[in-house]
Each structure stands twice: as C-alpha cells, then as structure tokens.
C-alpha cells in the first residue's frame, strides 16, 4: 500500500517536472512591470523603433517645456547660428517674473546659438519667444510652423499654440509624438551637443558680460547625487502645475540606445528631485537590465534563396539583408527560438542587380516583432534575350488579344472553307448544266 502510494507520488512529481519543461520558452521572458510612476511613459529602441515599455503613450498630455525641443529644431532648420536677435517687449508678454528665464533684457542683442543654449539648459521662456519671432515673424506664425512640422514627423496627437510650453488648453501632445520630435531633433548634431551640455558660458552682449547657464536636467548634472545617470545624453525637462514634471531623455550604453519619455510625474519631496528624474533613471535601468542588443541578421549572409527566370546564368538567387539588423530583445532569448518570417516571391525575372530589394525578413517571438529588414539580391544575374523573347511570345499566346485574333482567324478560315465549298457546288452545277445542254444539242443534231 505504502509502496503503491510512493509510486503514485513519484509519477505525479515526474509529470509535474515534464509539464514545467514543456512550457513555452516565453514563460522565461515574462518581464516584470516597472510600474513607472507617471501619467504617461514610453521607452523606445531608436535603431529598430521597438517599444520596450509604454503607458498611456497615445493619450493627450500637456508637454510644458519639452515643447522647446520643437522650437530648437525649427530654429536650427531655419536660422543661422551667428544671427543676432534683439529682445523686444513682445518677447516678454507671456513670461511671468517667476517662470524659467536667462535674465535677458529688452534691447539685449543675443546670438541664435546662445539663445538655443538658454532655451535648452535653463529653459528660458524669453529665449523661446525671441527665436520664434526671429524664425516665424511672430509666435503665432511660428506655432503654425510647429504644427506643420509635427504633422510632417508623423505626430497624430499634437497641437502647439506657443514656442515655450507655457500652459494653454489647446497646447498638447502625446508621449509617442514627443519621442518622434525628440528623435528628429537628435539627428541634428548641434541640437544633440546642446541637449547634452550641463553648463555653458554665454557670449558677452551689449547688456551682459559673459555668464554661465546651467541645465535643469539632474540626470546629467549632479554626478554625486543618487539620481545621476552617467549614460544619459540629455535632452529636455518640463514643468507646469497642469503638466506635472516631464522629461524626455536619451541614453547610450555599450552602443545600445534608448529614448525615454515620462509625463505628469510628481514634484520633489524634501531632499530629493522631481520623480521625472528618478522614474526616468529607473526606466533606463529596467530597459538595460531586461533587454540586450542582438544582431538578428547580417548584411552579406545567405538569408534565403529564390528562383530566377529568363536567365542562363543561374536558376537560383541568394537574398541577403540590406543592412545589419540589430534589435533589443529580452535577455536569454536566443536567435534559434525566434520565428523567422520571409516575405518574398518564389521566383523573379532577370535582369537582377545586386542590391535590388526583393523581400523582407521579420523576426518575432510569442507574437512580438523584434525587427524587420529588407532583403536584397546578393549578386547580379543577366537576362537571356532568347528566353526573354520566348517568354514574351508565350505570354502573348495567353493574352485576350491573341485569343481574339485566334477566334477571328478561325471564323475567317471557316468562312473561307464555306465560301469555297459553296462556289465549288455552284461551279459543279453549272458544269453539269452545260454538259446536259451539250448532250441535248448533240442528240438533236444527230436525229
């Protein structure tokens, strides 16, 4: 009895072990939710566009001074860095005494490059309005430019009314749109340099001696503080009472790149900083701890083979990746475990040139796509003219035009045969009639 019970227990334990071993590998990659304390958040690998984490990423939020990323981008695209802008009264109409500023005075003459540092580091609102007026003619016209640019970048939930981010109910965006704007801006080397600067000496003006401005981004400035994050490369903070604390950041670690967006974070408590900094650092750490960069496909590798028509050089063609496909994937996920989907024709017609795009390769796992790359021809394949014209002739035989011509020819042939048969019968009748007539005359003459 006892032995029987032990055998049953052993069988149950063995079955449980086998079940556990047979569970899908995806079980090992169920990532723990970082539970970012923000009203909206986003973490993206920019090399692949892979979203590693998102929370309310498409909901409308007030962006506060993260708006100034767009202001800087449009300035860099439409103004010379050495241009000098004179501050006017209109530039201060919407700037309260306690809002972010760089102590620029009415009548002060400041270079565009220095205004950009004032805009991005201390988040100077007067600098935003000066740049908007210089580029667009007025802040209202500049807002129209901002909205046009946002639309061009693929933003679908954004509307700007001013260049600074000061609160307006009609001034809003989304975490996903802010990522698109920030990514576009970071492709500009000057912007990337400004965004990653902790402090900058501003040139002497007609009203100020040289002076330093400091960043509001605590992730890049306070290296001795626990919230400092050494891999962070900027970008921009923002805060209003309606928007909460906002931060868009970019990080690089071992060539792995990440963009983070957090909106609507809580204010600082005693001895700390706003949660936009601590939550961003935590989000970056979560991303790097749980994901790793992996090369899924290499340029030049034999990815697939397809057939080739109209050539005597080859009947098969090797497809390779157009570029190296790198992606952020969960740590521990092996390439062999991933699903490899190739979208390409079974065969293509020559001529083919190396580099011609002929398909795509997508890697996925458990329903999540981790990267897609175009597949291109590895080498040239020349066309055979004989096979080409033979194929043309064969295809022509299959066309409606040929079928129509064939029907017409058949009808014509039938009509021709019928006509000839009819004419033949008529001739034979005439001949028989003539013969009868001759015989009749002959008989009459011989009587």
Protein backbone atom coordinates (compact mmCIF):
# COMPACT_ATOMS: atom_id res chain seq x y z
CA UNK A 1 0.00 0.00 0.00
CA UNK A 2 2.74 2.42 1.03
CA UNK A 3 4.89 1.45 -1.96
CA UNK A 4 1.94 1.99 -4.29
CA UNK A 5 1.36 5.45 -2.80
CA UNK A 6 5.03 6.33 -3.20
CA UNK A 7 4.93 5.21 -6.83
CA UNK A 8 1.91 7.40 -7.48
CA UNK A 9 3.53 10.39 -5.81
CA UNK A 10 6.69 9.81 -7.84
CA UNK A 11 4.65 9.66 -11.03
CA UNK A 12 2.91 12.92 -10.15
CA UNK A 13 6.23 14.65 -9.41
CA UNK A 14 7.68 13.37 -12.70
CA UNK A 15 4.61 14.56 -14.60
CA UNK A 16 4.88 17.99 -12.98
CA UNK A 17 8.54 18.22 -13.98
CA UNK A 18 7.76 17.21 -17.55
CA UNK A 19 4.95 19.78 -17.74
CA UNK A 20 7.26 22.52 -16.49
CA UNK A 21 9.91 21.53 -19.02
CA UNK A 22 7.35 21.56 -21.81
CA UNK A 23 6.09 25.08 -21.03
CA UNK A 24 6.80 27.55 -23.87
CA UNK A 25 10.06 29.42 -23.65
CA UNK A 26 8.05 32.64 -23.48
CA UNK A 27 7.43 31.85 -19.82
CA UNK A 28 11.08 32.74 -19.15
CA UNK A 29 10.63 36.14 -20.75
CA UNK A 30 7.63 37.48 -18.91
CA UNK A 31 9.13 40.79 -17.83
CA UNK A 32 8.22 42.39 -14.55
CA UNK A 33 6.29 45.63 -14.99
CA UNK A 34 8.48 48.52 -13.78
CA UNK A 35 5.29 50.37 -12.77
CA UNK A 36 6.61 53.77 -13.71
CA UNK A 37 5.02 56.48 -11.58
CA UNK A 38 3.96 58.84 -14.37
CA UNK A 39 0.69 59.61 -16.11
CA UNK A 40 2.31 58.62 -19.42
CA UNK A 41 5.61 56.95 -20.29
CA UNK A 42 7.48 55.43 -23.22
CA UNK A 43 10.78 53.58 -23.71
CA UNK A 44 11.98 53.01 -27.29
CA UNK A 45 14.97 51.48 -29.04
CA UNK A 46 15.52 54.05 -31.83
CA UNK A 47 17.55 51.71 -34.04
CA UNK A 48 14.57 49.42 -34.58
CA UNK A 49 11.63 51.52 -33.35
CA UNK A 50 10.95 48.72 -30.86
CA UNK A 51 8.81 49.91 -27.95
CA UNK A 52 10.13 48.28 -24.77
CA UNK A 53 7.65 49.89 -22.42
CA UNK A 54 4.64 52.15 -22.73
CA UNK A 55 1.97 53.60 -20.51
CA UNK A 56 -0.79 55.82 -21.90
CA UNK A 57 1.61 56.69 -24.72
CA UNK A 58 -1.11 57.96 -27.05
CA UNK A 59 -3.16 59.95 -24.55
CA UNK A 60 -3.10 63.74 -24.81
CA UNK A 61 -0.92 65.43 -22.20
CA UNK A 62 0.43 68.90 -21.60
CA UNK A 63 4.11 68.94 -22.58
CA UNK A 64 5.30 72.02 -20.63
CA UNK A 65 8.86 72.99 -21.65
CA UNK A 66 9.55 69.79 -23.56
CA UNK A 67 7.85 71.89 -26.25
CA UNK A 68 11.18 73.68 -26.64
CA UNK A 69 12.64 70.67 -28.45
CA UNK A 70 10.46 71.56 -31.41
CA UNK A 71 11.36 75.26 -31.04
CA UNK A 72 15.06 74.39 -31.17
CA UNK A 73 14.62 72.03 -34.12
CA UNK A 74 12.80 74.61 -36.25
CA UNK A 75 15.37 77.27 -35.33
CA UNK A 76 18.25 75.04 -36.40
CA UNK A 77 16.49 74.33 -39.69
CA UNK A 78 15.61 77.95 -40.47
CA UNK A 79 18.20 80.29 -38.92
CA UNK A 80 21.94 80.89 -38.91
CA UNK A 81 23.66 80.28 -35.59
CA UNK A 82 25.53 83.60 -35.84
CA UNK A 83 22.36 85.63 -36.41
CA UNK A 84 21.83 88.27 -33.72
CA UNK A 85 18.36 88.76 -32.26
CA UNK A 86 17.38 91.87 -30.31
CA UNK A 87 14.98 91.24 -27.42
CA UNK A 88 11.71 93.18 -27.72
CA UNK A 89 8.86 93.89 -25.32
CA UNK A 90 6.64 91.42 -27.16
CA UNK A 91 9.01 88.59 -26.23
CA UNK A 92 8.15 89.07 -22.56
CA UNK A 93 4.38 89.45 -22.78
CA UNK A 94 3.71 85.84 -21.78
CA UNK A 95 6.72 85.45 -19.48
CA UNK A 96 5.98 85.93 -15.80
CA UNK A 97 8.69 87.02 -13.40
CA UNK A 98 8.89 83.61 -11.75
CA UNK A 99 9.00 81.48 -14.92
CA UNK A 100 12.18 79.96 -16.31
CA UNK A 101 14.43 82.63 -17.81
CA UNK A 102 18.02 83.54 -18.66
CA UNK A 103 17.84 87.14 -17.44
CA UNK A 104 17.74 88.54 -20.97
CA UNK A 105 16.76 92.23 -21.06
CA UNK A 106 14.65 94.21 -23.51
CA UNK A 107 17.05 95.62 -26.09
CA UNK A 108 19.70 92.95 -25.45
CA UNK A 109 21.34 91.54 -28.55
CA UNK A 110 21.96 87.79 -28.37
CA UNK A 111 23.26 85.32 -30.95
CA UNK A 112 20.96 82.50 -32.02
CA UNK A 113 23.42 79.85 -30.79
CA UNK A 114 23.43 81.43 -27.33
CA UNK A 115 19.63 81.69 -27.35
CA UNK A 116 19.49 77.96 -28.10
CA UNK A 117 21.63 77.20 -25.05
CA UNK A 118 19.42 79.49 -22.97
CA UNK A 119 16.36 77.73 -24.37
CA UNK A 120 17.55 74.18 -23.71
CA UNK A 121 19.59 74.45 -20.50
CA UNK A 122 17.81 76.84 -18.09
CA UNK A 123 14.65 76.53 -20.25
CA UNK A 124 14.41 80.29 -20.78
CA UNK A 125 10.96 81.30 -21.96
CA UNK A 126 12.06 84.69 -23.30
CA UNK A 127 14.60 82.88 -25.50
CA UNK A 128 11.76 80.75 -26.91
CA UNK A 129 9.74 83.81 -27.93
CA UNK A 130 12.80 85.60 -29.35
CA UNK A 131 13.66 82.60 -31.53
CA UNK A 132 10.03 82.17 -32.60
CA UNK A 133 9.80 85.80 -33.69
CA UNK A 134 13.16 85.61 -35.48
CA UNK A 135 12.23 82.46 -37.40
CA UNK A 136 8.49 82.84 -37.92
CA UNK A 137 7.92 86.59 -37.70
CA UNK A 138 5.64 86.14 -34.69
CA UNK A 139 4.97 83.47 -32.09
CA UNK A 140 1.59 82.76 -33.71
CA UNK A 141 3.13 82.17 -37.13
CA UNK A 142 5.85 80.08 -35.52
CA UNK A 143 3.19 77.91 -33.83
CA UNK A 144 1.80 77.19 -37.29
CA UNK A 145 5.27 76.08 -38.34
CA UNK A 146 5.48 73.86 -35.28
CA UNK A 147 2.20 72.15 -36.12
CA UNK A 148 3.21 71.66 -39.75
CA UNK A 149 6.50 70.11 -38.67
CA UNK A 150 4.76 67.85 -36.15
CA UNK A 151 2.45 66.59 -38.87
CA UNK A 152 5.43 66.00 -41.20
CA UNK A 153 7.09 63.92 -38.48
CA UNK A 154 4.04 61.69 -38.21
CA UNK A 155 2.62 63.13 -34.99
CA UNK A 156 -1.09 62.39 -34.67
CA UNK A 157 -2.00 63.76 -31.24
CA UNK A 158 -0.14 67.07 -31.12
CA UNK A 159 -1.18 70.73 -31.33
CA UNK A 160 1.06 73.65 -30.38
CA UNK A 161 -0.02 77.20 -29.62
CA UNK A 162 3.27 78.70 -28.40
CA UNK A 163 7.04 78.07 -28.56
CA UNK A 164 7.65 77.78 -24.81
CA UNK A 165 5.18 75.24 -23.45
CA UNK A 166 3.52 77.68 -21.06
CA UNK A 167 0.10 76.27 -20.28
CA UNK A 168 -2.70 76.50 -22.81
CA UNK A 169 -5.59 74.04 -23.01
CA UNK A 170 -5.09 73.80 -26.77
CA UNK A 171 -1.37 73.11 -26.40
CA UNK A 172 -0.96 69.35 -26.06
CA UNK A 173 0.86 66.28 -27.34
CA UNK A 174 1.46 62.61 -26.51
CA UNK A 175 4.41 60.63 -25.22
CA UNK A 176 4.73 58.87 -28.58
CA UNK A 177 4.67 62.14 -30.53
CA UNK A 178 7.28 63.66 -28.22
CA UNK A 179 9.55 60.70 -28.95
CA UNK A 180 9.17 61.34 -32.69
CA UNK A 181 10.02 65.02 -32.25
CA UNK A 182 12.98 64.31 -29.97
CA UNK A 183 14.36 61.63 -32.29
CA UNK A 184 14.19 64.01 -35.27
CA UNK A 185 15.90 66.77 -33.29
CA UNK A 186 18.70 64.47 -32.11
CA UNK A 187 19.66 63.77 -35.73
CA UNK A 188 20.95 67.36 -35.78
CA UNK A 189 24.50 67.35 -34.38
CA UNK A 190 24.21 70.87 -32.97
CA UNK A 191 21.00 70.01 -31.15
CA UNK A 192 22.50 66.79 -29.76
CA UNK A 193 25.50 68.72 -28.46
CA UNK A 194 23.34 71.40 -26.83
CA UNK A 195 20.97 68.84 -25.32
CA UNK A 196 23.87 67.01 -23.66
CA UNK A 197 25.52 70.11 -22.20
CA UNK A 198 25.37 70.56 -18.42
CA UNK A 199 26.66 74.14 -18.35
CA UNK A 200 27.60 76.71 -20.95
CA UNK A 201 29.26 80.11 -21.00
CA UNK A 202 27.13 82.59 -22.96
CA UNK A 203 28.91 85.22 -25.03
CA UNK A 204 29.13 88.82 -23.88
CA UNK A 205 26.26 91.02 -25.10
CA UNK A 206 25.53 94.73 -25.18
CA UNK A 207 23.92 94.33 -21.71
CA UNK A 208 25.75 91.42 -20.07
CA UNK A 209 29.26 90.20 -19.57
CA UNK A 210 29.94 86.53 -20.22
CA UNK A 211 27.78 84.39 -17.94
CA UNK A 212 27.08 80.73 -17.35
CA UNK A 213 23.80 78.92 -17.78
CA UNK A 214 23.10 75.51 -16.26
CA UNK A 215 20.92 72.61 -17.30
CA UNK A 216 17.75 71.72 -15.43
CA UNK A 217 18.33 68.03 -16.23
CA UNK A 218 19.51 66.47 -12.97
CA UNK A 219 20.33 63.17 -14.67
CA UNK A 220 23.32 64.79 -16.40
CA UNK A 221 24.35 67.48 -13.93
CA UNK A 222 24.60 66.26 -10.34
CA UNK A 223 27.17 63.46 -10.74
CA UNK A 224 27.46 62.97 -6.97
CA UNK A 225 23.72 62.53 -6.45
CA UNK A 226 21.89 59.15 -6.46
CA UNK A 227 19.63 60.24 -9.32
CA UNK A 228 22.55 60.98 -11.66
CA UNK A 229 22.67 58.64 -14.66
CA UNK A 230 26.01 58.56 -16.47
CA UNK A 231 24.66 57.01 -19.65
CA UNK A 232 22.16 59.83 -20.18
CA UNK A 233 22.86 62.21 -23.09
CA UNK A 234 20.21 64.91 -22.44
CA UNK A 235 17.51 66.02 -23.62
CA UNK A 236 14.84 68.29 -22.08
CA UNK A 237 12.86 68.85 -18.91
CA UNK A 238 9.47 70.47 -18.47
CA UNK A 239 7.16 71.52 -15.66
CA UNK A 240 3.92 73.38 -15.12
CA UNK A 241 1.33 72.81 -12.43
CA UNK A 242 -1.06 71.42 -15.05
CA UNK A 243 1.52 69.20 -16.82
CA UNK A 244 3.40 67.99 -13.77
CA UNK A 245 7.07 67.12 -14.19
CA UNK A 246 8.09 65.94 -17.64
CA UNK A 247 11.36 64.67 -19.04
CA UNK A 248 12.49 63.38 -22.41
CA UNK A 249 15.86 61.64 -22.27
CA UNK A 250 18.29 59.73 -24.42
CA UNK A 251 20.83 57.16 -23.20
CA UNK A 252 23.65 55.11 -24.69
CA UNK A 253 25.14 52.06 -23.02
CA UNK A 254 27.50 49.69 -24.85
CA UNK A 255 26.24 51.06 -28.19
CA UNK A 256 22.66 50.27 -27.14
CA UNK A 257 20.45 53.36 -27.49
CA UNK A 258 17.21 54.16 -25.67
CA UNK A 259 14.79 57.09 -25.63
CA UNK A 260 12.62 57.67 -22.60
CA UNK A 261 9.56 59.89 -22.17
CA UNK A 262 7.84 60.45 -18.83
CA UNK A 263 4.99 62.94 -18.39
CA UNK A 264 2.99 64.06 -15.37
CA UNK A 265 5.39 62.99 -12.63
CA UNK A 266 5.13 64.17 -9.03
CA UNK A 267 7.09 67.05 -7.51
CA UNK A 268 10.17 66.59 -5.36
CA UNK A 269 9.90 65.82 -1.68
CA UNK A 270 12.43 67.05 0.87
CA UNK A 271 15.99 66.20 -0.14
CA UNK A 272 15.03 64.67 -3.49
CA UNK A 273 14.31 65.70 -7.06
CA UNK A 274 11.12 65.50 -9.09
CA UNK A 275 10.04 61.98 -9.92
CA UNK A 276 10.58 62.68 -13.61
CA UNK A 277 14.31 62.16 -12.93
CA UNK A 278 14.12 59.12 -10.67
CA UNK A 279 11.47 57.43 -12.83
CA UNK A 280 13.48 58.06 -15.99
CA UNK A 281 16.60 56.57 -14.42
CA UNK A 282 14.58 53.59 -13.22
CA UNK A 283 13.07 53.13 -16.68
CA UNK A 284 16.51 53.19 -18.33
CA UNK A 285 17.87 50.71 -15.79
CA UNK A 286 14.87 48.43 -16.32
CA UNK A 287 15.43 48.56 -20.07
CA UNK A 288 19.13 47.73 -19.90
CA UNK A 289 18.65 45.05 -17.23
CA UNK A 290 15.93 43.19 -19.16
CA UNK A 291 16.91 43.73 -22.78
CA UNK A 292 20.10 43.26 -24.73
CA UNK A 293 21.18 44.28 -28.19
CA UNK A 294 21.42 41.33 -30.55
CA UNK A 295 22.28 41.12 -34.23
CA UNK A 296 19.44 39.18 -35.82
CA UNK A 297 20.71 39.28 -39.41
CA UNK A 298 23.94 40.39 -41.03
CA UNK A 299 24.45 42.06 -44.35
CA UNK A 300 26.05 39.56 -46.74
CA UNK A 301 24.69 36.43 -45.05
CA UNK A 302 22.75 33.88 -47.10
CA UNK A 303 19.24 34.52 -45.74
CA UNK A 304 17.16 32.79 -48.39
CA UNK A 305 17.17 31.57 -51.99
CA UNK A 306 14.54 32.18 -54.65
CA UNK A 307 14.19 31.08 -58.25
CA UNK A 308 15.35 33.08 -61.27
CA UNK A 309 13.63 33.14 -64.65
CA UNK A 310 14.79 34.34 -68.10
CA UNK A 311 18.47 33.68 -67.39
CA UNK A 312 21.02 31.09 -68.43
CA UNK A 313 23.50 32.33 -65.79
CA UNK A 314 21.62 30.93 -62.77
CA UNK A 315 18.30 29.47 -61.77
CA UNK A 316 18.68 30.44 -58.08
CA UNK A 317 19.37 33.79 -56.38
CA UNK A 318 20.68 34.39 -52.86
CA UNK A 319 18.91 37.05 -50.79
CA UNK A 320 20.78 38.87 -48.04
CA UNK A 321 19.94 41.57 -45.52
CA UNK A 322 20.18 45.13 -46.86
CA UNK A 323 21.82 46.12 -43.57
CA UNK A 324 22.71 44.53 -40.26
CA UNK A 325 19.50 44.05 -38.29
CA UNK A 326 20.12 44.89 -34.64
CA UNK A 327 17.36 44.77 -32.07
CA UNK A 328 16.69 44.94 -28.35
CA UNK A 329 15.45 41.53 -27.25
CA UNK A 330 14.78 40.06 -23.81
CA UNK A 331 17.94 38.72 -22.23
CA UNK A 332 18.13 34.96 -22.58
CA UNK A 333 16.12 34.86 -25.80
CA UNK A 334 18.17 33.01 -28.39
CA UNK A 335 18.01 33.62 -32.11
CA UNK A 336 17.15 29.96 -32.70
CA UNK A 337 14.00 30.39 -30.58
CA UNK A 338 12.68 33.26 -32.66
CA UNK A 339 10.27 32.96 -35.56
CA UNK A 340 11.79 33.94 -38.91
CA UNK A 341 9.25 35.19 -41.47
CA UNK A 342 10.43 35.80 -45.03
CA UNK A 343 8.17 37.68 -47.44
CA UNK A 344 9.48 37.23 -50.99
CA UNK A 345 8.36 35.87 -54.36
CA UNK A 346 9.17 32.26 -55.22
CA UNK A 347 10.90 33.44 -58.39
CA UNK A 348 11.86 36.71 -60.10
CA UNK A 349 12.74 37.65 -63.67
CA UNK A 350 16.24 38.59 -64.77
CA UNK A 351 17.94 41.01 -65.15
CA UNK A 352 18.70 41.49 -61.46
CA UNK A 353 21.24 43.82 -59.90
CA UNK A 354 22.96 43.30 -56.58
CA UNK A 355 21.11 45.39 -54.01
CA UNK A 356 17.68 45.17 -55.66
CA UNK A 357 15.05 44.92 -52.91
CA UNK A 358 13.15 41.65 -53.35
CA UNK A 359 11.55 40.98 -49.97
CA UNK A 360 11.61 41.42 -46.21
CA UNK A 361 12.73 39.40 -43.20
CA UNK A 362 10.96 39.74 -39.85
CA UNK A 363 11.98 38.22 -36.52
CA UNK A 364 9.33 37.73 -33.85
CA UNK A 365 8.70 35.79 -30.67
CA UNK A 366 5.46 35.00 -28.92
CA UNK A 367 3.59 37.43 -31.17
CA UNK A 368 6.04 40.33 -30.62
CA UNK A 369 8.02 41.62 -33.61
CA UNK A 370 11.62 42.50 -32.78
CA UNK A 371 12.86 43.71 -36.13
CA UNK A 372 12.33 43.80 -39.88
CA UNK A 373 14.91 44.29 -42.61
CA UNK A 374 14.68 44.44 -46.40
CA UNK A 375 16.11 41.51 -48.35
CA UNK A 376 18.20 42.32 -51.41
CA UNK A 377 19.88 40.40 -54.23
CA UNK A 378 23.41 39.34 -53.32
CA UNK A 379 24.70 39.42 -56.90
CA UNK A 380 23.88 40.39 -60.48
CA UNK A 381 22.02 37.99 -62.79
CA UNK A 382 21.96 38.78 -66.51
CA UNK A 383 18.97 38.16 -68.77
CA UNK A 384 18.96 35.81 -71.76
CA UNK A 385 17.40 37.59 -74.75
CA UNK A 386 16.34 34.27 -76.29
CA UNK A 387 14.47 33.27 -73.12
CA UNK A 388 13.10 36.79 -72.82
CA UNK A 389 11.51 36.83 -76.28
CA UNK A 390 10.34 33.24 -75.91
CA UNK A 391 8.65 34.22 -72.69
CA UNK A 392 7.11 37.27 -74.34
CA UNK A 393 5.75 35.08 -77.12
CA UNK A 394 4.43 32.52 -74.63
CA UNK A 395 2.77 35.25 -72.60
CA UNK A 396 1.30 36.77 -75.74
CA UNK A 397 -0.35 33.44 -76.52
CA UNK A 398 -2.14 33.75 -73.17
CA UNK A 399 -3.43 37.27 -73.71
CA UNK A 400 -7.05 38.16 -74.61
CA UNK A 401 -5.74 39.91 -77.72
CA UNK A 402 -4.21 36.70 -79.03
CA UNK A 403 -7.35 34.76 -78.16
CA UNK A 404 -9.42 37.34 -80.05
CA UNK A 405 -7.12 37.15 -83.08
CA UNK A 406 -7.26 33.35 -82.94
CA UNK A 407 -11.08 33.39 -82.89
CA UNK A 408 -11.14 35.84 -85.82
CA UNK A 409 -8.75 33.63 -87.79
CA UNK A 410 -10.82 30.51 -87.08
CA UNK A 411 -14.00 32.31 -88.15
CA UNK A 412 -12.27 33.62 -91.25
CA UNK A 413 -11.00 30.12 -92.06
CA UNK A 414 -14.46 28.62 -91.60
CA UNK A 415 -15.99 31.30 -93.78
CA UNK A 416 -13.31 30.72 -96.38
CA UNK A 417 -13.98 26.98 -96.40
CA UNK A 418 -17.74 27.53 -96.56
CA UNK A 419 -17.28 30.07 -99.36
CA UNK A 420 -15.07 27.71 -101.35
CA UNK A 421 -17.48 24.83 -100.83
CA UNK A 422 -20.39 26.98 -101.98
CA UNK A 423 -18.52 28.27 -105.02
CA UNK A 424 -17.48 24.71 -105.83
CA UNK A 425 -21.05 23.47 -105.71
CA UNK A 426 -22.20 26.31 -107.96
CA UNK A 427 -19.45 25.55 -110.47
CA UNK A 428 -20.26 21.89 -110.49
CA UNK A 429 -23.95 22.64 -111.05
CA UNK A 430 -23.06 24.91 -113.97
CA UNK A 431 -20.76 22.29 -115.38
CA UNK A 432 -23.48 19.63 -115.12
CA UNK A 433 -26.00 22.00 -116.71
CA UNK A 434 -23.61 22.76 -119.57
CA UNK A 435 -22.98 19.06 -120.11
CA UNK A 436 -26.70 18.34 -120.27
CA UNK A 437 -27.17 21.21 -122.71
CA UNK A 438 -24.39 19.92 -124.96
CA UNK A 439 -25.77 16.41 -124.92
CA UNK A 440 -29.20 17.73 -125.77
CA UNK A 441 -27.87 19.69 -128.75
CA UNK A 442 -25.86 16.70 -129.85
CA UNK A 443 -28.88 14.45 -129.78
CA UNK A 444 -30.97 16.91 -131.77
CA UNK A 445 -28.28 17.29 -134.41
CA UNK A 446 -27.91 13.53 -134.89
CA UNK A 447 -31.59 12.79 -135.47
